[in-house]
Amino acid sequence: MPKRGNGDRRERRELRELLDELVSHVRALTRAHRGMTADEMHYAQQRLEWLADEIWRSATDGPEGVDNS
């Protein structure tokens, strides 16, 4: 299989870690959502939004150590 360019998530550790954290969080929510309080749901939603923002930032910043200015 040919090697992908610098945008590949396997080459971008921060992006890979954030995506793994998002998947873990969603899996935990899937298991626990029925028993969650309103406050827990609110916190879970805030965390999802934060992770989405961090993933977007990481994905659009380019590879680690590269300045896209």
Protein backbone atom coordinates (compact mmCIF):
# COMPACT_ATOMS: atom_id res chain seq x y z
CA MET A 1 0.00 0.00 0.00
CA PRO A 2 1.47 3.39 -0.93
CA LYS A 3 2.36 5.80 1.86
CA ARG A 4 -0.08 8.65 2.30
CA GLY A 5 0.87 12.31 2.48
CA ASN A 6 1.51 14.33 5.62
CA GLY A 7 -2.23 14.61 6.33
CA ASP A 8 -2.55 10.96 7.32
CA ARG A 9 -3.84 10.61 10.89
CA ARG A 10 -1.44 7.72 11.51
CA GLU A 11 1.44 10.18 11.12
CA ARG A 12 -0.13 12.85 13.31
CA ARG A 13 -0.02 11.65 16.90
CA GLU A 14 -2.04 14.50 18.44
CA LEU A 15 -4.88 14.03 15.94
CA ARG A 16 -4.84 10.25 16.41
CA GLU A 17 -4.99 10.63 20.21
CA LEU A 18 -7.87 13.11 20.01
CA LEU A 19 -9.81 10.83 17.67
CA ASP A 20 -9.20 7.88 19.99
CA GLU A 21 -10.44 9.96 22.94
CA LEU A 22 -13.56 10.94 20.98
CA VAL A 23 -14.32 7.31 20.12
CA SER A 24 -13.82 6.27 23.76
CA HIS A 25 -16.09 9.06 24.99
CA VAL A 26 -18.85 8.19 22.51
CA ARG A 27 -18.65 4.50 23.44
CA ALA A 28 -18.93 5.36 27.14
CA LEU A 29 -21.92 7.63 26.44
CA THR A 30 -23.61 4.92 24.40
CA ARG A 31 -23.41 2.55 27.36
CA ALA A 32 -24.35 5.05 30.08
CA HIS A 33 -26.72 7.59 28.49
CA ARG A 34 -29.96 6.17 29.91
CA GLY A 35 -28.81 6.54 33.51
CA MET A 36 -27.18 9.95 33.21
CA THR A 37 -28.45 13.01 35.03
CA ALA A 38 -29.08 16.30 33.24
CA ASP A 39 -25.79 17.67 34.60
CA GLU A 40 -23.86 14.63 33.39
CA MET A 41 -25.46 14.94 29.94
CA HIS A 42 -24.56 18.63 29.84
CA TYR A 43 -20.95 17.87 30.76
CA ALA A 44 -20.81 15.07 28.18
CA GLN A 45 -22.10 17.45 25.49
CA GLN A 46 -19.53 20.09 26.45
CA ARG A 47 -16.77 17.50 26.28
CA LEU A 48 -17.95 16.34 22.83
CA GLU A 49 -17.91 19.94 21.61
CA TRP A 50 -14.44 20.52 23.06
CA LEU A 51 -13.11 17.34 21.44
CA ALA A 52 -14.65 18.32 18.11
CA ASP A 53 -13.01 21.75 18.32
CA GLU A 54 -9.63 20.23 19.22
CA ILE A 55 -9.88 17.69 16.40
CA TRP A 56 -10.75 20.44 13.92
CA ARG A 57 -7.85 22.57 15.15
CA SER A 58 -5.44 19.66 14.94
CA ALA A 59 -6.69 18.56 11.51
CA THR A 60 -6.49 22.04 10.00
CA ASP A 61 -3.14 23.01 11.56
CA GLY A 62 -1.29 20.43 9.49
CA PRO A 63 1.33 17.98 10.67
CA GLU A 64 2.96 18.47 14.06
CA GLY A 65 5.95 20.74 13.91
CA VAL A 66 4.96 22.32 10.60
CA ASP A 67 3.91 25.96 10.43
CA ASN A 68 1.18 26.50 7.82
CA SER A 69 1.25 30.32 8.10
